[in-house]
Amino acid sequence: MSKLRAFLTEWGVALLVGLMVWSFLALVLLSVRACSAQEPKPWSTTHVVLAATSTALIVTDLGQTLTAQRLGWVTADGCCYQHEGNFLLGSYPSEARILVTGGVVLVGNLYVANRLRGRDRTLWLGLVTLLEGFVVYSNYRSGARIYLKGAL
């Protein structure tokens, strides 16, 4: 039974990585399309909810990364050594780099979403929400938590 579980786990990880790669490629293509978009249409309720959710998840990811950096890249319970997985930040980014990159991601997400129309906007915000949700969950499972600066 453990061989079957290991096999399914490997396939599950491969499937998730594949979905993340394809989602990232779709986000790149949508952002290119946004650059050529004309007059943006008004936002629907779905767009607003997805934008709020993706923004909340980006901020959560940012908070988890900042906490990990402030704790010296050791999990809050002190059991595990960790590093940043985002290739844009590098393995052990500074607080300034994390904040600048997080700000660019927050503004960029909403800017691209505003430039897209209808279905493309829904797809963009949905993919960002999906990817950030996966990242926040992965961070949480690896021991990353959010603590206020004064609480450290």
C-alpha atoms as a PDB file:
ATOM      1  CA  MET A   1       0.000   0.000   0.000  1.00  0.00           C
ATOM      2  CA  SER A   2       2.852   2.422   0.724  1.00  0.00           C
ATOM      3  CA  LYS A   3       4.231   1.964  -2.815  1.00  0.00           C
ATOM      4  CA  LEU A   4       0.836   2.947  -4.214  1.00  0.00           C
ATOM      5  CA  ARG A   5       0.685   5.976  -1.927  1.00  0.00           C
ATOM      6  CA  ALA A   6       4.204   7.037  -2.976  1.00  0.00           C
ATOM      7  CA  PHE A   7       3.287   6.598  -6.658  1.00  0.00           C
ATOM      8  CA  LEU A   8       0.098   8.644  -6.282  1.00  0.00           C
ATOM      9  CA  THR A   9       1.973  11.323  -4.330  1.00  0.00           C
ATOM     10  CA  GLU A  10       4.584  11.620  -7.089  1.00  0.00           C
ATOM     11  CA  TRP A  11       1.854  11.907  -9.738  1.00  0.00           C
ATOM     12  CA  GLY A  12      -0.052  14.404  -7.615  1.00  0.00           C
ATOM     13  CA  VAL A  13       3.013  16.606  -7.253  1.00  0.00           C
ATOM     14  CA  ALA A  14       3.770  16.312 -10.963  1.00  0.00           C
ATOM     15  CA  LEU A  15       0.182  17.248 -11.786  1.00  0.00           C
ATOM     16  CA  LEU A  16       0.268  20.280  -9.489  1.00  0.00           C
ATOM     17  CA  VAL A  17       3.581  21.450 -10.926  1.00  0.00           C
ATOM     18  CA  GLY A  18       2.218  21.002 -14.438  1.00  0.00           C
ATOM     19  CA  LEU A  19      -0.891  23.004 -13.579  1.00  0.00           C
ATOM     20  CA  MET A  20       1.232  25.763 -12.083  1.00  0.00           C
ATOM     21  CA  VAL A  21       3.452  25.940 -15.182  1.00  0.00           C
ATOM     22  CA  TRP A  22       0.474  26.088 -17.546  1.00  0.00           C
ATOM     23  CA  SER A  23      -1.253  28.638 -15.337  1.00  0.00           C
ATOM     24  CA  PHE A  24       1.881  30.778 -15.323  1.00  0.00           C
ATOM     25  CA  LEU A  25       2.088  30.603 -19.120  1.00  0.00           C
ATOM     26  CA  ALA A  26      -1.584  31.565 -19.384  1.00  0.00           C
ATOM     27  CA  LEU A  27      -0.942  34.534 -17.086  1.00  0.00           C
ATOM     28  CA  VAL A  28       1.963  35.654 -19.274  1.00  0.00           C
ATOM     29  CA  LEU A  29      -0.159  35.415 -22.426  1.00  0.00           C
ATOM     30  CA  LEU A  30      -3.029  37.276 -20.792  1.00  0.00           C
ATOM     31  CA  SER A  31      -0.711  40.046 -19.634  1.00  0.00           C
ATOM     32  CA  VAL A  32       0.569  40.446 -23.193  1.00  0.00           C
ATOM     33  CA  ARG A  33      -3.020  40.604 -24.387  1.00  0.00           C
ATOM     34  CA  ALA A  34      -3.775  43.227 -21.734  1.00  0.00           C
ATOM     35  CA  CYS A  35      -1.122  45.505 -23.198  1.00  0.00           C
ATOM     36  CA  SER A  36      -3.025  45.606 -26.475  1.00  0.00           C
ATOM     37  CA  ALA A  37      -6.473  45.897 -24.897  1.00  0.00           C
ATOM     38  CA  GLN A  38      -8.544  48.918 -25.737  1.00  0.00           C
ATOM     39  CA  GLU A  39     -11.093  50.528 -23.440  1.00  0.00           C
ATOM     40  CA  PRO A  40     -11.592  48.387 -20.305  1.00  0.00           C
ATOM     41  CA  LYS A  41     -15.143  47.366 -19.474  1.00  0.00           C
ATOM     42  CA  PRO A  42     -16.746  47.916 -16.058  1.00  0.00           C
ATOM     43  CA  TRP A  43     -16.020  45.350 -13.371  1.00  0.00           C
ATOM     44  CA  SER A  44     -18.663  42.773 -12.490  1.00  0.00           C
ATOM     45  CA  THR A  45     -19.303  41.473  -8.985  1.00  0.00           C
ATOM     46  CA  THR A  46     -17.337  38.333  -9.866  1.00  0.00           C
ATOM     47  CA  HIS A  47     -14.352  40.456 -10.875  1.00  0.00           C
ATOM     48  CA  VAL A  48     -14.460  42.432  -7.634  1.00  0.00           C
ATOM     49  CA  VAL A  49     -14.663  39.276  -5.513  1.00  0.00           C
ATOM     50  CA  LEU A  50     -11.798  37.627  -7.416  1.00  0.00           C
ATOM     51  CA  ALA A  51      -9.695  40.807  -7.193  1.00  0.00           C
ATOM     52  CA  ALA A  52     -10.274  41.052  -3.444  1.00  0.00           C
ATOM     53  CA  THR A  53      -9.473  37.362  -2.949  1.00  0.00           C
ATOM     54  CA  SER A  54      -6.319  37.455  -5.069  1.00  0.00           C
ATOM     55  CA  THR A  55      -5.169  40.620  -3.284  1.00  0.00           C
ATOM     56  CA  ALA A  56      -5.788  39.035   0.135  1.00  0.00           C
ATOM     57  CA  LEU A  57      -3.826  35.932  -0.883  1.00  0.00           C
ATOM     58  CA  ILE A  58      -0.927  38.005  -2.257  1.00  0.00           C
ATOM     59  CA  VAL A  59      -0.794  39.949   1.022  1.00  0.00           C
ATOM     60  CA  THR A  60      -0.913  36.670   2.985  1.00  0.00           C
ATOM     61  CA  ASP A  61       1.949  35.250   0.918  1.00  0.00           C
ATOM     62  CA  LEU A  62       3.865  38.475   1.484  1.00  0.00           C
ATOM     63  CA  GLY A  63       3.255  38.220   5.238  1.00  0.00           C
ATOM     64  CA  GLN A  64       4.390  34.600   5.343  1.00  0.00           C
ATOM     65  CA  THR A  65       7.563  35.453   3.432  1.00  0.00           C
ATOM     66  CA  LEU A  66       8.339  38.441   5.655  1.00  0.00           C
ATOM     67  CA  THR A  67       7.828  36.363   8.790  1.00  0.00           C
ATOM     68  CA  ALA A  68      10.115  33.628   7.466  1.00  0.00           C
ATOM     69  CA  GLN A  69      12.758  36.227   6.643  1.00  0.00           C
ATOM     70  CA  ARG A  70      12.485  37.853  10.079  1.00  0.00           C
ATOM     71  CA  LEU A  71      12.798  34.481  11.811  1.00  0.00           C
ATOM     72  CA  GLY A  72      15.996  33.731   9.908  1.00  0.00           C
ATOM     73  CA  TRP A  73      14.329  31.266   7.514  1.00  0.00           C
ATOM     74  CA  VAL A  74      13.536  28.817  10.308  1.00  0.00           C
ATOM     75  CA  THR A  75       9.921  27.777  10.892  1.00  0.00           C
ATOM     76  CA  ALA A  76       8.103  29.323  13.850  1.00  0.00           C
ATOM     77  CA  ASP A  77       8.376  26.123  15.897  1.00  0.00           C
ATOM     78  CA  GLY A  78      12.132  26.022  15.170  1.00  0.00           C
ATOM     79  CA  CYS A  79      12.103  22.562  13.639  1.00  0.00           C
ATOM     80  CA  CYS A  80      12.790  23.195   9.987  1.00  0.00           C
ATOM     81  CA  TYR A  81      15.156  25.241   7.880  1.00  0.00           C
ATOM     82  CA  GLN A  82      13.460  26.814   4.885  1.00  0.00           C
ATOM     83  CA  HIS A  83      14.212  29.106   1.962  1.00  0.00           C
ATOM     84  CA  GLU A  84      12.212  31.217  -0.455  1.00  0.00           C
ATOM     85  CA  GLY A  85      10.905  29.312  -3.466  1.00  0.00           C
ATOM     86  CA  ASN A  86      10.098  32.325  -5.646  1.00  0.00           C
ATOM     87  CA  PHE A  87      12.853  32.633  -8.229  1.00  0.00           C
ATOM     88  CA  LEU A  88      12.218  36.382  -8.543  1.00  0.00           C
ATOM     89  CA  LEU A  89      13.210  36.903  -4.922  1.00  0.00           C
ATOM     90  CA  GLY A  90      16.115  34.485  -4.646  1.00  0.00           C
ATOM     91  CA  SER A  91      16.690  31.944  -1.874  1.00  0.00           C
ATOM     92  CA  TYR A  92      17.195  34.387   1.016  1.00  0.00           C
ATOM     93  CA  PRO A  93      15.852  37.832   0.040  1.00  0.00           C
ATOM     94  CA  SER A  94      16.125  40.969   2.133  1.00  0.00           C
ATOM     95  CA  GLU A  95      13.074  42.586   3.700  1.00  0.00           C
ATOM     96  CA  ALA A  96      13.312  45.478   1.220  1.00  0.00           C
ATOM     97  CA  ARG A  97      13.361  43.124  -1.756  1.00  0.00           C
ATOM     98  CA  ILE A  98      10.347  41.235  -0.433  1.00  0.00           C
ATOM     99  CA  LEU A  99       8.376  44.455   0.099  1.00  0.00           C
ATOM    100  CA  VAL A 100       9.260  45.962  -3.292  1.00  0.00           C
ATOM    101  CA  THR A 101       8.477  42.752  -5.171  1.00  0.00           C
ATOM    102  CA  GLY A 102       5.228  42.316  -3.216  1.00  0.00           C
ATOM    103  CA  GLY A 103       4.164  45.869  -4.028  1.00  0.00           C
ATOM    104  CA  VAL A 104       4.903  45.387  -7.727  1.00  0.00           C
ATOM    105  CA  VAL A 105       2.922  42.136  -7.747  1.00  0.00           C
ATOM    106  CA  LEU A 106      -0.053  43.758  -5.987  1.00  0.00           C
ATOM    107  CA  VAL A 107      -0.172  46.767  -8.319  1.00  0.00           C
ATOM    108  CA  GLY A 108       0.627  44.692 -11.401  1.00  0.00           C
ATOM    109  CA  ASN A 109      -2.140  42.197 -10.691  1.00  0.00           C
ATOM    110  CA  LEU A 110      -4.806  44.884 -10.475  1.00  0.00           C
ATOM    111  CA  TYR A 111      -3.364  46.874 -13.390  1.00  0.00           C
ATOM    112  CA  VAL A 112      -3.408  43.901 -15.755  1.00  0.00           C
ATOM    113  CA  ALA A 113      -6.879  42.904 -14.538  1.00  0.00           C
ATOM    114  CA  ASN A 114      -8.143  46.423 -15.199  1.00  0.00           C
ATOM    115  CA  ARG A 115      -6.723  46.382 -18.741  1.00  0.00           C
ATOM    116  CA  LEU A 116      -8.421  43.082 -19.619  1.00  0.00           C
ATOM    117  CA  ARG A 117     -12.030  42.690 -20.663  1.00  0.00           C
ATOM    118  CA  GLY A 118     -14.790  40.295 -19.562  1.00  0.00           C
ATOM    119  CA  ARG A 119     -13.754  36.651 -19.724  1.00  0.00           C
ATOM    120  CA  ASP A 120     -10.046  37.449 -19.909  1.00  0.00           C
ATOM    121  CA  ARG A 121     -10.280  39.450 -16.674  1.00  0.00           C
ATOM    122  CA  THR A 122     -12.132  36.612 -14.972  1.00  0.00           C
ATOM    123  CA  LEU A 123      -9.529  34.124 -16.206  1.00  0.00           C
ATOM    124  CA  TRP A 124      -6.622  36.327 -15.080  1.00  0.00           C
ATOM    125  CA  LEU A 125      -7.990  36.935 -11.594  1.00  0.00           C
ATOM    126  CA  GLY A 126      -9.045  33.294 -11.243  1.00  0.00           C
ATOM    127  CA  LEU A 127      -5.575  32.030 -12.162  1.00  0.00           C
ATOM    128  CA  VAL A 128      -3.850  34.490  -9.819  1.00  0.00           C
ATOM    129  CA  THR A 129      -6.206  33.425  -7.019  1.00  0.00           C
ATOM    130  CA  LEU A 130      -5.565  29.741  -7.756  1.00  0.00           C
ATOM    131  CA  LEU A 131      -1.786  30.128  -7.885  1.00  0.00           C
ATOM    132  CA  GLU A 132      -1.569  32.322  -4.782  1.00  0.00           C
ATOM    133  CA  GLY A 133      -3.931  29.975  -2.925  1.00  0.00           C
ATOM    134  CA  PHE A 134      -1.618  27.084  -3.727  1.00  0.00           C
ATOM    135  CA  VAL A 135       1.447  29.092  -2.633  1.00  0.00           C
ATOM    136  CA  VAL A 136      -0.138  30.193   0.664  1.00  0.00           C
ATOM    137  CA  TYR A 137      -1.252  26.627   1.399  1.00  0.00           C
ATOM    138  CA  SER A 138       2.220  25.258   0.557  1.00  0.00           C
ATOM    139  CA  ASN A 139       3.815  27.881   2.783  1.00  0.00           C
ATOM    140  CA  TYR A 140       1.443  26.977   5.607  1.00  0.00           C
ATOM    141  CA  ARG A 141       2.159  23.257   5.251  1.00  0.00           C
ATOM    142  CA  SER A 142       5.898  23.931   5.352  1.00  0.00           C
ATOM    143  CA  GLY A 143       5.497  25.797   8.643  1.00  0.00           C
ATOM    144  CA  ALA A 144       5.346  29.423   7.499  1.00  0.00           C
ATOM    145  CA  ARG A 145       3.089  31.573   9.674  1.00  0.00           C
ATOM    146  CA  ILE A 146       2.337  35.280   9.889  1.00  0.00           C
ATOM    147  CA  TYR A 147       3.386  37.230  12.964  1.00  0.00           C
ATOM    148  CA  LEU A 148       3.250  40.949  13.532  1.00  0.00           C
ATOM    149  CA  LYS A 149       6.665  42.589  13.714  1.00  0.00           C
ATOM    150  CA  GLY A 150       6.272  43.490  17.396  1.00  0.00           C
ATOM    151  CA  ALA A 151       5.273  39.919  18.262  1.00  0.00           C
ATOM    152  CA  LEU A 152       8.613  38.451  17.189  1.00  0.00           C
END
